[in-house]
Amino acid sequence: MGNLRILAVDDSATMRSLVQQTLGIGGYEVTLASDGKEGIDKFSDAEYDLVITDINMPVMDGLAFIREVRKRNTNVPILTLTTESEENIKQKGAEAGANGWIIKPFRPAQFLDIIKQVIQ
């Protein structure tokens, strides 16, 4: 199967570290970005099997980032990892092209299960 590549975008250094550690345990190759613009730059430079993004970020927020990714790739799964749990925000995420919604804080085992389901 090889190492699956995941792009994780979050403005919180703590959250990026936690995501990287958790995905590392799962055996994934992780690329990190601190906002949507950096995420787009990195997305444009490589192929990814999954994109994980926060919603509330400076420079380019998660919804704008998801829309930009979708312009470039309609197939890559996109998961949001956010503190936002309101239905209207989830709806906007789905409309932008997100495939799933994970609420922070996450449990690592549960997070890895969701990743496996989405990538398969």
PDB file of N, CA and C in Angstrom:
ATOM      1  N   MET A   1       0.834  -1.196   0.000  1.00  0.00           N
ATOM      2  CA  MET A   1       0.000   0.000   0.000  1.00  0.00           C
ATOM      3  C   MET A   1       0.874   1.253   0.000  1.00  0.00           C
ATOM      4  N   GLY A   2       2.062   1.184   0.583  1.00  0.00           N
ATOM      5  CA  GLY A   2       2.917   2.365   0.613  1.00  0.00           C
ATOM      6  C   GLY A   2       2.421   3.376   1.613  1.00  0.00           C
ATOM      7  N   ASN A   3       3.223   4.363   1.846  1.00  0.00           N
ATOM      8  CA  ASN A   3       2.815   5.393   2.794  1.00  0.00           C
ATOM      9  C   ASN A   3       1.821   6.336   2.151  1.00  0.00           C
ATOM     10  N   LEU A   4       0.679   6.486   2.774  1.00  0.00           N
ATOM     11  CA  LEU A   4      -0.299   7.440   2.283  1.00  0.00           C
ATOM     12  C   LEU A   4       0.098   8.819   2.756  1.00  0.00           C
ATOM     13  N   ARG A   5      -0.088   9.790   1.878  1.00  0.00           N
ATOM     14  CA  ARG A   5       0.343  11.162   2.166  1.00  0.00           C
ATOM     15  C   ARG A   5      -0.855  12.008   2.564  1.00  0.00           C
ATOM     16  N   ILE A   6      -0.694  12.706   3.681  1.00  0.00           N
ATOM     17  CA  ILE A   6      -1.763  13.552   4.202  1.00  0.00           C
ATOM     18  C   ILE A   6      -1.242  14.971   4.375  1.00  0.00           C
ATOM     19  N   LEU A   7      -2.027  15.927   3.913  1.00  0.00           N
ATOM     20  CA  LEU A   7      -1.733  17.340   4.131  1.00  0.00           C
ATOM     21  C   LEU A   7      -2.635  17.821   5.265  1.00  0.00           C
ATOM     22  N   ALA A   8      -2.041  18.346   6.330  1.00  0.00           N
ATOM     23  CA  ALA A   8      -2.798  18.836   7.480  1.00  0.00           C
ATOM     24  C   ALA A   8      -2.568  20.337   7.640  1.00  0.00           C
ATOM     25  N   VAL A   9      -3.661  21.096   7.637  1.00  0.00           N
ATOM     26  CA  VAL A   9      -3.582  22.553   7.703  1.00  0.00           C
ATOM     27  C   VAL A   9      -4.281  23.042   8.972  1.00  0.00           C
ATOM     28  N   ASP A  10      -3.522  23.713   9.837  1.00  0.00           N
ATOM     29  CA  ASP A  10      -4.091  24.243  11.080  1.00  0.00           C
ATOM     30  C   ASP A  10      -3.194  25.373  11.569  1.00  0.00           C
ATOM     31  N   ASP A  11      -3.805  26.470  12.032  1.00  0.00           N
ATOM     32  CA  ASP A  11      -2.989  27.600  12.497  1.00  0.00           C
ATOM     33  C   ASP A  11      -2.433  27.381  13.899  1.00  0.00           C
ATOM     34  N   SER A  12      -2.891  26.362  14.600  1.00  0.00           N
ATOM     35  CA  SER A  12      -2.384  26.083  15.949  1.00  0.00           C
ATOM     36  C   SER A  12      -1.198  25.117  15.879  1.00  0.00           C
ATOM     37  N   ALA A  13      -0.038  25.573  16.347  1.00  0.00           N
ATOM     38  CA  ALA A  13       1.164  24.729  16.351  1.00  0.00           C
ATOM     39  C   ALA A  13       0.940  23.477  17.196  1.00  0.00           C
ATOM     40  N   THR A  14       0.238  23.628  18.306  1.00  0.00           N
ATOM     41  CA  THR A  14      -0.056  22.486  19.182  1.00  0.00           C
ATOM     42  C   THR A  14      -0.888  21.453  18.440  1.00  0.00           C
ATOM     43  N   MET A  15      -1.929  21.925  17.726  1.00  0.00           N
ATOM     44  CA  MET A  15      -2.803  21.011  16.996  1.00  0.00           C
ATOM     45  C   MET A  15      -2.049  20.348  15.840  1.00  0.00           C
ATOM     46  N   ARG A  16      -1.197  21.109  15.148  1.00  0.00           N
ATOM     47  CA  ARG A  16      -0.406  20.510  14.053  1.00  0.00           C
ATOM     48  C   ARG A  16       0.480  19.392  14.601  1.00  0.00           C
ATOM     49  N   SER A  17       1.089  19.656  15.748  1.00  0.00           N
ATOM     50  CA  SER A  17       1.960  18.664  16.372  1.00  0.00           C
ATOM     51  C   SER A  17       1.169  17.408  16.753  1.00  0.00           C
ATOM     52  N   LEU A  18       0.001  17.604  17.341  1.00  0.00           N
ATOM     53  CA  LEU A  18      -0.850  16.488  17.756  1.00  0.00           C
ATOM     54  C   LEU A  18      -1.308  15.669  16.549  1.00  0.00           C
ATOM     55  N   VAL A  19      -1.709  16.357  15.493  1.00  0.00           N
ATOM     56  CA  VAL A  19      -2.145  15.680  14.269  1.00  0.00           C
ATOM     57  C   VAL A  19      -0.977  14.890  13.670  1.00  0.00           C
ATOM     58  N   GLN A  20       0.193  15.527  13.624  1.00  0.00           N
ATOM     59  CA  GLN A  20       1.367  14.853  13.058  1.00  0.00           C
ATOM     60  C   GLN A  20       1.734  13.605  13.858  1.00  0.00           C
ATOM     61  N   GLN A  21       1.728  13.718  15.189  1.00  0.00           N
ATOM     62  CA  GLN A  21       2.042  12.568  16.045  1.00  0.00           C
ATOM     63  C   GLN A  21       1.029  11.444  15.831  1.00  0.00           C
ATOM     64  N   THR A  22      -0.255  11.811  15.824  1.00  0.00           N
ATOM     65  CA  THR A  22      -1.309  10.803  15.688  1.00  0.00           C
ATOM     66  C   THR A  22      -1.227  10.100  14.339  1.00  0.00           C
ATOM     67  N   LEU A  23      -1.067  10.879  13.271  1.00  0.00           N
ATOM     68  CA  LEU A  23      -0.989  10.282  11.935  1.00  0.00           C
ATOM     69  C   LEU A  23       0.300   9.479  11.765  1.00  0.00           C
ATOM     70  N   GLY A  24       1.369   9.925  12.443  1.00  0.00           N
ATOM     71  CA  GLY A  24       2.626   9.181  12.414  1.00  0.00           C
ATOM     72  C   GLY A  24       2.447   7.798  13.009  1.00  0.00           C
ATOM     73  N   ILE A  25       1.705   7.707  14.099  1.00  0.00           N
ATOM     74  CA  ILE A  25       1.396   6.421  14.737  1.00  0.00           C
ATOM     75  C   ILE A  25       0.655   5.527  13.741  1.00  0.00           C
ATOM     76  N   GLY A  26      -0.214   6.147  12.942  1.00  0.00           N
ATOM     77  CA  GLY A  26      -0.975   5.404  11.939  1.00  0.00           C
ATOM     78  C   GLY A  26      -0.144   5.029  10.716  1.00  0.00           C
ATOM     79  N   GLY A  27       1.095   5.513  10.659  1.00  0.00           N
ATOM     80  CA  GLY A  27       1.974   5.165   9.552  1.00  0.00           C
ATOM     81  C   GLY A  27       1.823   6.057   8.328  1.00  0.00           C
ATOM     82  N   TYR A  28       1.207   7.207   8.505  1.00  0.00           N
ATOM     83  CA  TYR A  28       1.008   8.118   7.381  1.00  0.00           C
ATOM     84  C   TYR A  28       2.166   9.098   7.258  1.00  0.00           C
ATOM     85  N   GLU A  29       2.397   9.547   6.038  1.00  0.00           N
ATOM     86  CA  GLU A  29       3.383  10.589   5.774  1.00  0.00           C
ATOM     87  C   GLU A  29       2.632  11.916   5.820  1.00  0.00           C
ATOM     88  N   VAL A  30       3.080  12.826   6.678  1.00  0.00           N
ATOM     89  CA  VAL A  30       2.323  14.052   6.930  1.00  0.00           C
ATOM     90  C   VAL A  30       3.081  15.299   6.481  1.00  0.00           C
ATOM     91  N   THR A  31       2.386  16.172   5.783  1.00  0.00           N
ATOM     92  CA  THR A  31       2.904  17.493   5.449  1.00  0.00           C
ATOM     93  C   THR A  31       2.033  18.496   6.185  1.00  0.00           C
ATOM     94  N   LEU A  32       2.665  19.480   6.839  1.00  0.00           N
ATOM     95  CA  LEU A  32       1.911  20.454   7.637  1.00  0.00           C
ATOM     96  C   LEU A  32       1.933  21.835   6.994  1.00  0.00           C
ATOM     97  N   ALA A  33       0.845  22.565   7.190  1.00  0.00           N
ATOM     98  CA  ALA A  33       0.769  23.964   6.769  1.00  0.00           C
ATOM     99  C   ALA A  33       0.035  24.734   7.848  1.00  0.00           C
ATOM    100  N   SER A  34       0.398  26.019   8.009  1.00  0.00           N
ATOM    101  CA  SER A  34      -0.151  26.792   9.128  1.00  0.00           C
ATOM    102  C   SER A  34      -1.355  27.665   8.747  1.00  0.00           C
ATOM    103  N   ASP A  35      -1.670  27.744   7.457  1.00  0.00           N
ATOM    104  CA  ASP A  35      -2.895  28.444   7.039  1.00  0.00           C
ATOM    105  C   ASP A  35      -3.268  27.977   5.639  1.00  0.00           C
ATOM    106  N   GLY A  36      -4.425  28.388   5.167  1.00  0.00           N
ATOM    107  CA  GLY A  36      -4.927  27.919   3.887  1.00  0.00           C
ATOM    108  C   GLY A  36      -4.022  28.252   2.715  1.00  0.00           C
ATOM    109  N   LYS A  37      -3.428  29.439   2.729  1.00  0.00           N
ATOM    110  CA  LYS A  37      -2.562  29.827   1.620  1.00  0.00           C
ATOM    111  C   LYS A  37      -1.337  28.916   1.546  1.00  0.00           C
ATOM    112  N   GLU A  38      -0.707  28.676   2.698  1.00  0.00           N
ATOM    113  CA  GLU A  38       0.437  27.765   2.727  1.00  0.00           C
ATOM    114  C   GLU A  38      -0.018  26.353   2.327  1.00  0.00           C
ATOM    115  N   GLY A  39      -1.224  25.997   2.757  1.00  0.00           N
ATOM    116  CA  GLY A  39      -1.785  24.691   2.402  1.00  0.00           C
ATOM    117  C   GLY A  39      -1.929  24.532   0.894  1.00  0.00           C
ATOM    118  N   ILE A  40      -2.429  25.572   0.227  1.00  0.00           N
ATOM    119  CA  ILE A  40      -2.585  25.530  -1.229  1.00  0.00           C
ATOM    120  C   ILE A  40      -1.222  25.406  -1.909  1.00  0.00           C
ATOM    121  N   ASP A  41      -0.240  26.162  -1.414  1.00  0.00           N
ATOM    122  CA  ASP A  41       1.109  26.075  -1.981  1.00  0.00           C
ATOM    123  C   ASP A  41       1.633  24.635  -1.898  1.00  0.00           C
ATOM    124  N   LYS A  42       1.456  24.020  -0.744  1.00  0.00           N
ATOM    125  CA  LYS A  42       1.958  22.656  -0.554  1.00  0.00           C
ATOM    126  C   LYS A  42       1.126  21.654  -1.345  1.00  0.00           C
ATOM    127  N   PHE A  43      -0.189  21.894  -1.418  1.00  0.00           N
ATOM    128  CA  PHE A  43      -1.070  21.001  -2.178  1.00  0.00           C
ATOM    129  C   PHE A  43      -0.683  21.022  -3.657  1.00  0.00           C
ATOM    130  N   SER A  44      -0.287  22.189  -4.138  1.00  0.00           N
ATOM    131  CA  SER A  44       0.083  22.345  -5.552  1.00  0.00           C
ATOM    132  C   SER A  44       1.407  21.659  -5.876  1.00  0.00           C
ATOM    133  N   ASP A  45       2.236  21.446  -4.846  1.00  0.00           N
ATOM    134  CA  ASP A  45       3.574  20.884  -5.048  1.00  0.00           C
ATOM    135  C   ASP A  45       3.629  19.357  -5.011  1.00  0.00           C
ATOM    136  N   ALA A  46       2.576  18.697  -4.553  1.00  0.00           N
ATOM    137  CA  ALA A  46       2.647  17.247  -4.366  1.00  0.00           C
ATOM    138  C   ALA A  46       1.260  16.618  -4.466  1.00  0.00           C
ATOM    139  N   GLU A  47       1.254  15.287  -4.558  1.00  0.00           N
ATOM    140  CA  GLU A  47       0.002  14.530  -4.567  1.00  0.00           C
ATOM    141  C   GLU A  47      -0.310  14.103  -3.132  1.00  0.00           C
ATOM    142  N   TYR A  48      -1.565  14.228  -2.737  1.00  0.00           N
ATOM    143  CA  TYR A  48      -1.967  13.794  -1.392  1.00  0.00           C
ATOM    144  C   TYR A  48      -3.146  12.844  -1.485  1.00  0.00           C
ATOM    145  N   ASP A  49      -3.206  11.919  -0.515  1.00  0.00           N
ATOM    146  CA  ASP A  49      -4.303  10.957  -0.444  1.00  0.00           C
ATOM    147  C   ASP A  49      -5.453  11.490   0.399  1.00  0.00           C
ATOM    148  N   LEU A  50      -5.153  12.509   1.216  1.00  0.00           N
ATOM    149  CA  LEU A  50      -6.155  13.085   2.109  1.00  0.00           C
ATOM    150  C   LEU A  50      -5.703  14.469   2.530  1.00  0.00           C
ATOM    151  N   VAL A  51      -6.678  15.365   2.693  1.00  0.00           N
ATOM    152  CA  VAL A  51      -6.403  16.704   3.213  1.00  0.00           C
ATOM    153  C   VAL A  51      -7.228  16.883   4.482  1.00  0.00           C
ATOM    154  N   ILE A  52      -6.591  17.397   5.533  1.00  0.00           N
ATOM    155  CA  ILE A  52      -7.281  17.703   6.787  1.00  0.00           C
ATOM    156  C   ILE A  52      -7.086  19.196   7.034  1.00  0.00           C
ATOM    157  N   THR A  53      -8.179  19.899   7.305  1.00  0.00           N
ATOM    158  CA  THR A  53      -8.040  21.342   7.523  1.00  0.00           C
ATOM    159  C   THR A  53      -8.892  21.858   8.669  1.00  0.00           C
ATOM    160  N   ASP A  54      -8.351  22.848   9.346  1.00  0.00           N
ATOM    161  CA  ASP A  54      -9.093  23.614  10.333  1.00  0.00           C
ATOM    162  C   ASP A  54     -10.009  24.561   9.549  1.00  0.00           C
ATOM    163  N   ILE A  55     -10.990  25.142  10.189  1.00  0.00           N
ATOM    164  CA  ILE A  55     -11.865  26.110   9.526  1.00  0.00           C
ATOM    165  C   ILE A  55     -11.434  27.537   9.845  1.00  0.00           C
ATOM    166  N   ASN A  56     -11.257  27.838  11.130  1.00  0.00           N
ATOM    167  CA  ASN A  56     -10.921  29.209  11.528  1.00  0.00           C
ATOM    168  C   ASN A  56      -9.412  29.424  11.531  1.00  0.00           C
ATOM    169  N   MET A  57      -8.925  30.072  10.459  1.00  0.00           N
ATOM    170  CA  MET A  57      -7.490  30.339  10.334  1.00  0.00           C
ATOM    171  C   MET A  57      -7.296  31.723   9.726  1.00  0.00           C
ATOM    172  N   PRO A  58      -6.147  32.336  10.028  1.00  0.00           N
ATOM    173  CA  PRO A  58      -5.834  33.625   9.387  1.00  0.00           C
ATOM    174  C   PRO A  58      -5.414  33.408   7.935  1.00  0.00           C
ATOM    175  N   VAL A  59      -5.230  34.458   7.199  1.00  0.00           N
ATOM    176  CA  VAL A  59      -4.771  34.495   5.808  1.00  0.00           C
ATOM    177  C   VAL A  59      -5.805  33.910   4.849  1.00  0.00           C
ATOM    178  N   MET A  60      -6.061  32.606   4.944  1.00  0.00           N
ATOM    179  CA  MET A  60      -7.122  31.968   4.153  1.00  0.00           C
ATOM    180  C   MET A  60      -7.796  30.956   5.062  1.00  0.00           C
ATOM    181  N   ASP A  61      -9.097  31.120   5.292  1.00  0.00           N
ATOM    182  CA  ASP A  61      -9.777  30.200   6.209  1.00  0.00           C
ATOM    183  C   ASP A  61     -10.022  28.845   5.538  1.00  0.00           C
ATOM    184  N   GLY A  62     -10.496  27.914   6.341  1.00  0.00           N
ATOM    185  CA  GLY A  62     -10.681  26.545   5.868  1.00  0.00           C
ATOM    186  C   GLY A  62     -11.661  26.413   4.726  1.00  0.00           C
ATOM    187  N   LEU A  63     -12.761  27.174   4.755  1.00  0.00           N
ATOM    188  CA  LEU A  63     -13.755  27.068   3.682  1.00  0.00           C
ATOM    189  C   LEU A  63     -13.174  27.532   2.351  1.00  0.00           C
ATOM    190  N   ALA A  64     -12.448  28.651   2.368  1.00  0.00           N
ATOM    191  CA  ALA A  64     -11.802  29.152   1.146  1.00  0.00           C
ATOM    192  C   ALA A  64     -10.745  28.148   0.678  1.00  0.00           C
ATOM    193  N   PHE A  65     -10.012  27.580   1.626  1.00  0.00           N
ATOM    194  CA  PHE A  65      -8.992  26.582   1.307  1.00  0.00           C
ATOM    195  C   PHE A  65      -9.624  25.365   0.631  1.00  0.00           C
ATOM    196  N   ILE A  66     -10.740  24.871   1.196  1.00  0.00           N
ATOM    197  CA  ILE A  66     -11.422  23.701   0.618  1.00  0.00           C
ATOM    198  C   ILE A  66     -11.859  24.005  -0.821  1.00  0.00           C
ATOM    199  N   ARG A  67     -12.430  25.182  -1.033  1.00  0.00           N
ATOM    200  CA  ARG A  67     -12.864  25.556  -2.387  1.00  0.00           C
ATOM    201  C   ARG A  67     -11.689  25.575  -3.358  1.00  0.00           C
ATOM    202  N   GLU A  68     -10.550  26.106  -2.894  1.00  0.00           N
ATOM    203  CA  GLU A  68      -9.353  26.155  -3.757  1.00  0.00           C
ATOM    204  C   GLU A  68      -8.841  24.755  -4.079  1.00  0.00           C
ATOM    205  N   VAL A  69      -8.831  23.873  -3.075  1.00  0.00           N
ATOM    206  CA  VAL A  69      -8.393  22.486  -3.306  1.00  0.00           C
ATOM    207  C   VAL A  69      -9.322  21.841  -4.327  1.00  0.00           C
ATOM    208  N   ARG A  70     -10.619  22.052  -4.188  1.00  0.00           N
ATOM    209  CA  ARG A  70     -11.598  21.449  -5.103  1.00  0.00           C
ATOM    210  C   ARG A  70     -11.432  21.940  -6.542  1.00  0.00           C
ATOM    211  N   LYS A  71     -10.969  23.173  -6.719  1.00  0.00           N
ATOM    212  CA  LYS A  71     -10.707  23.666  -8.078  1.00  0.00           C
ATOM    213  C   LYS A  71      -9.584  22.862  -8.717  1.00  0.00           C
ATOM    214  N   ARG A  72      -8.653  22.392  -7.894  1.00  0.00           N
ATOM    215  CA  ARG A  72      -7.480  21.670  -8.392  1.00  0.00           C
ATOM    216  C   ARG A  72      -7.688  20.162  -8.429  1.00  0.00           C
ATOM    217  N   ASN A  73      -8.509  19.661  -7.517  1.00  0.00           N
ATOM    218  CA  ASN A  73      -8.688  18.213  -7.392  1.00  0.00           C
ATOM    219  C   ASN A  73     -10.069  17.930  -6.804  1.00  0.00           C
ATOM    220  N   THR A  74     -10.916  17.275  -7.596  1.00  0.00           N
ATOM    221  CA  THR A  74     -12.282  17.000  -7.136  1.00  0.00           C
ATOM    222  C   THR A  74     -12.380  15.676  -6.392  1.00  0.00           C
ATOM    223  N   ASN A  75     -11.320  14.869  -6.430  1.00  0.00           N
ATOM    224  CA  ASN A  75     -11.396  13.521  -5.861  1.00  0.00           C
ATOM    225  C   ASN A  75     -10.772  13.355  -4.482  1.00  0.00           C
ATOM    226  N   VAL A  76      -9.770  14.160  -4.152  1.00  0.00           N
ATOM    227  CA  VAL A  76      -9.076  13.949  -2.884  1.00  0.00           C
ATOM    228  C   VAL A  76     -10.051  14.159  -1.716  1.00  0.00           C
ATOM    229  N   PRO A  77     -10.088  13.221  -0.765  1.00  0.00           N
ATOM    230  CA  PRO A  77     -10.966  13.421   0.392  1.00  0.00           C
ATOM    231  C   PRO A  77     -10.465  14.576   1.262  1.00  0.00           C
ATOM    232  N   ILE A  78     -11.403  15.366   1.760  1.00  0.00           N
ATOM    233  CA  ILE A  78     -11.068  16.489   2.643  1.00  0.00           C
ATOM    234  C   ILE A  78     -11.854  16.341   3.937  1.00  0.00           C
ATOM    235  N   LEU A  79     -11.137  16.335   5.052  1.00  0.00           N
ATOM    236  CA  LEU A  79     -11.767  16.311   6.375  1.00  0.00           C
ATOM    237  C   LEU A  79     -11.512  17.640   7.060  1.00  0.00           C
ATOM    238  N   THR A  80     -12.521  18.147   7.740  1.00  0.00           N
ATOM    239  CA  THR A  80     -12.296  19.333   8.561  1.00  0.00           C
ATOM    240  C   THR A  80     -12.038  18.863   9.983  1.00  0.00           C
ATOM    241  N   LEU A  81     -11.141  19.555  10.653  1.00  0.00           N
ATOM    242  CA  LEU A  81     -10.820  19.279  12.053  1.00  0.00           C
ATOM    243  C   LEU A  81     -10.935  20.628  12.744  1.00  0.00           C
ATOM    244  N   THR A  82     -12.029  20.819  13.474  1.00  0.00           N
ATOM    245  CA  THR A  82     -12.356  22.158  13.936  1.00  0.00           C
ATOM    246  C   THR A  82     -13.125  22.134  15.247  1.00  0.00           C
ATOM    247  N   THR A  83     -13.173  23.274  15.903  1.00  0.00           N
ATOM    248  CA  THR A  83     -14.004  23.412  17.098  1.00  0.00           C
ATOM    249  C   THR A  83     -15.443  23.743  16.710  1.00  0.00           C
ATOM    250  N   GLU A  84     -15.672  24.065  15.437  1.00  0.00           N
ATOM    251  CA  GLU A  84     -17.016  24.435  14.971  1.00  0.00           C
ATOM    252  C   GLU A  84     -17.917  23.210  14.920  1.00  0.00           C
ATOM    253  N   SER A  85     -19.055  23.281  15.584  1.00  0.00           N
ATOM    254  CA  SER A  85     -19.970  22.141  15.540  1.00  0.00           C
ATOM    255  C   SER A  85     -21.365  22.551  15.070  1.00  0.00           C
ATOM    256  N   GLU A  86     -21.545  23.804  14.709  1.00  0.00           N
ATOM    257  CA  GLU A  86     -22.869  24.271  14.299  1.00  0.00           C
ATOM    258  C   GLU A  86     -23.219  23.744  12.911  1.00  0.00           C
ATOM    259  N   GLU A  87     -24.493  23.365  12.759  1.00  0.00           N
ATOM    260  CA  GLU A  87     -24.953  22.773  11.504  1.00  0.00           C
ATOM    261  C   GLU A  87     -24.723  23.684  10.308  1.00  0.00           C
ATOM    262  N   ASN A  88     -24.938  25.008  10.479  1.00  0.00           N
ATOM    263  CA  ASN A  88     -24.793  25.898   9.321  1.00  0.00           C
ATOM    264  C   ASN A  88     -23.344  25.945   8.838  1.00  0.00           C
ATOM    265  N   ILE A  89     -22.395  25.837   9.766  1.00  0.00           N
ATOM    266  CA  ILE A  89     -20.987  25.820   9.363  1.00  0.00           C
ATOM    267  C   ILE A  89     -20.661  24.486   8.685  1.00  0.00           C
ATOM    268  N   LYS A  90     -21.189  23.394   9.235  1.00  0.00           N
ATOM    269  CA  LYS A  90     -20.981  22.078   8.619  1.00  0.00           C
ATOM    270  C   LYS A  90     -21.547  22.077   7.200  1.00  0.00           C
ATOM    271  N   GLN A  91     -22.714  22.690   7.038  1.00  0.00           N
ATOM    272  CA  GLN A  91     -23.358  22.773   5.729  1.00  0.00           C
ATOM    273  C   GLN A  91     -22.461  23.537   4.751  1.00  0.00           C
ATOM    274  N   LYS A  92     -21.898  24.652   5.209  1.00  0.00           N
ATOM    275  CA  LYS A  92     -20.990  25.434   4.363  1.00  0.00           C
ATOM    276  C   LYS A  92     -19.760  24.605   3.992  1.00  0.00           C
ATOM    277  N   GLY A  93     -19.275  23.835   4.943  1.00  0.00           N
ATOM    278  CA  GLY A  93     -18.130  22.962   4.683  1.00  0.00           C
ATOM    279  C   GLY A  93     -18.447  21.933   3.618  1.00  0.00           C
ATOM    280  N   ALA A  94     -19.618  21.309   3.736  1.00  0.00           N
ATOM    281  CA  ALA A  94     -20.038  20.307   2.752  1.00  0.00           C
ATOM    282  C   ALA A  94     -20.210  20.951   1.372  1.00  0.00           C
ATOM    283  N   GLU A  95     -20.801  22.140   1.354  1.00  0.00           N
ATOM    284  CA  GLU A  95     -20.998  22.843   0.085  1.00  0.00           C
ATOM    285  C   GLU A  95     -19.647  23.197  -0.549  1.00  0.00           C
ATOM    286  N   ALA A  96     -18.663  23.533   0.277  1.00  0.00           N
ATOM    287  CA  ALA A  96     -17.331  23.867  -0.230  1.00  0.00           C
ATOM    288  C   ALA A  96     -16.628  22.627  -0.784  1.00  0.00           C
ATOM    289  N   GLY A  97     -17.013  21.457  -0.264  1.00  0.00           N
ATOM    290  CA  GLY A  97     -16.425  20.215  -0.764  1.00  0.00           C
ATOM    291  C   GLY A  97     -15.814  19.304   0.282  1.00  0.00           C
ATOM    292  N   ALA A  98     -16.050  19.596   1.566  1.00  0.00           N
ATOM    293  CA  ALA A  98     -15.520  18.728   2.627  1.00  0.00           C
ATOM    294  C   ALA A  98     -16.292  17.413   2.663  1.00  0.00           C
ATOM    295  N   ASN A  99     -15.578  16.327   2.930  1.00  0.00           N
ATOM    296  CA  ASN A  99     -16.203  15.006   2.986  1.00  0.00           C
ATOM    297  C   ASN A  99     -16.557  14.575   4.402  1.00  0.00           C
ATOM    298  N   GLY A 100     -15.956  15.216   5.397  1.00  0.00           N
ATOM    299  CA  GLY A 100     -16.218  14.803   6.769  1.00  0.00           C
ATOM    300  C   GLY A 100     -15.857  15.904   7.738  1.00  0.00           C
ATOM    301  N   TRP A 101     -16.334  15.751   8.980  1.00  0.00           N
ATOM    302  CA  TRP A 101     -16.219  16.799   9.992  1.00  0.00           C
ATOM    303  C   TRP A 101     -15.797  16.162  11.295  1.00  0.00           C
ATOM    304  N   ILE A 102     -14.645  16.567  11.806  1.00  0.00           N
ATOM    305  CA  ILE A 102     -14.182  16.049  13.097  1.00  0.00           C
ATOM    306  C   ILE A 102     -14.092  17.231  14.058  1.00  0.00           C
ATOM    307  N   ILE A 103     -14.684  17.068  15.222  1.00  0.00           N
ATOM    308  CA  ILE A 103     -14.689  18.145  16.212  1.00  0.00           C
ATOM    309  C   ILE A 103     -13.487  17.996  17.142  1.00  0.00           C
ATOM    310  N   LYS A 104     -12.786  19.114  17.376  1.00  0.00           N
ATOM    311  CA  LYS A 104     -11.684  19.136  18.353  1.00  0.00           C
ATOM    312  C   LYS A 104     -12.274  19.236  19.750  1.00  0.00           C
ATOM    313  N   PRO A 105     -11.632  18.712  20.765  1.00  0.00           N
ATOM    314  CA  PRO A 105     -10.448  17.863  20.656  1.00  0.00           C
ATOM    315  C   PRO A 105     -10.844  16.459  20.193  1.00  0.00           C
ATOM    316  N   PHE A 106      -9.936  15.751  19.534  1.00  0.00           N
ATOM    317  CA  PHE A 106     -10.254  14.408  19.046  1.00  0.00           C
ATOM    318  C   PHE A 106      -9.531  13.362  19.875  1.00  0.00           C
ATOM    319  N   ARG A 107     -10.062  12.137  19.837  1.00  0.00           N
ATOM    320  CA  ARG A 107      -9.379  11.003  20.468  1.00  0.00           C
ATOM    321  C   ARG A 107      -8.536  10.343  19.375  1.00  0.00           C
ATOM    322  N   PRO A 108      -7.240  10.179  19.605  1.00  0.00           N
ATOM    323  CA  PRO A 108      -6.368   9.656  18.548  1.00  0.00           C
ATOM    324  C   PRO A 108      -6.868   8.378  17.875  1.00  0.00           C
ATOM    325  N   ALA A 109      -7.325   7.405  18.646  1.00  0.00           N
ATOM    326  CA  ALA A 109      -7.770   6.135  18.044  1.00  0.00           C
ATOM    327  C   ALA A 109      -8.971   6.364  17.134  1.00  0.00           C
ATOM    328  N   GLN A 110      -9.894   7.176  17.603  1.00  0.00           N
ATOM    329  CA  GLN A 110     -11.096   7.492  16.824  1.00  0.00           C
ATOM    330  C   GLN A 110     -10.712   8.263  15.552  1.00  0.00           C
ATOM    331  N   PHE A 111      -9.797   9.193  15.700  1.00  0.00           N
ATOM    332  CA  PHE A 111      -9.300   9.995  14.580  1.00  0.00           C
ATOM    333  C   PHE A 111      -8.710   9.076  13.505  1.00  0.00           C
ATOM    334  N   LEU A 112      -7.866   8.123  13.915  1.00  0.00           N
ATOM    335  CA  LEU A 112      -7.243   7.202  12.963  1.00  0.00           C
ATOM    336  C   LEU A 112      -8.277   6.309  12.297  1.00  0.00           C
ATOM    337  N   ASP A 113      -9.306   5.911  13.039  1.00  0.00           N
ATOM    338  CA  ASP A 113     -10.392   5.108  12.449  1.00  0.00           C
ATOM    339  C   ASP A 113     -11.089   5.883  11.335  1.00  0.00           C
ATOM    340  N   ILE A 114     -11.380   7.155  11.610  1.00  0.00           N
ATOM    341  CA  ILE A 114     -12.050   7.996  10.617  1.00  0.00           C
ATOM    342  C   ILE A 114     -11.164   8.134   9.375  1.00  0.00           C
ATOM    343  N   ILE A 115      -9.873   8.367   9.592  1.00  0.00           N
ATOM    344  CA  ILE A 115      -8.927   8.512   8.477  1.00  0.00           C
ATOM    345  C   ILE A 115      -8.952   7.250   7.613  1.00  0.00           C
ATOM    346  N   LYS A 116      -8.875   6.081   8.270  1.00  0.00           N
ATOM    347  CA  LYS A 116      -8.889   4.807   7.524  1.00  0.00           C
ATOM    348  C   LYS A 116     -10.142   4.681   6.686  1.00  0.00           C
ATOM    349  N   GLN A 117     -11.291   4.997   7.275  1.00  0.00           N
ATOM    350  CA  GLN A 117     -12.564   4.873   6.553  1.00  0.00           C
ATOM    351  C   GLN A 117     -12.585   5.793   5.340  1.00  0.00           C
ATOM    352  N   VAL A 118     -12.094   7.006   5.501  1.00  0.00           N
ATOM    353  CA  VAL A 118     -12.142   7.989   4.433  1.00  0.00           C
ATOM    354  C   VAL A 118     -11.191   7.627   3.290  1.00  0.00           C
ATOM    355  N   ILE A 119     -10.026   7.102   3.634  1.00  0.00           N
ATOM    356  CA  ILE A 119      -9.021   6.806   2.608  1.00  0.00           C
ATOM    357  C   ILE A 119      -9.344   5.551   1.826  1.00  0.00           C
ATOM    358  N   GLN A 120     -10.021   4.592   2.447  1.00  0.00           N
ATOM    359  CA  GLN A 120     -10.301   3.327   1.755  1.00  0.00           C
ATOM    360  C   GLN A 120     -11.279   3.492   0.613  1.00  0.00           C
TER     361      GLN A 120
END
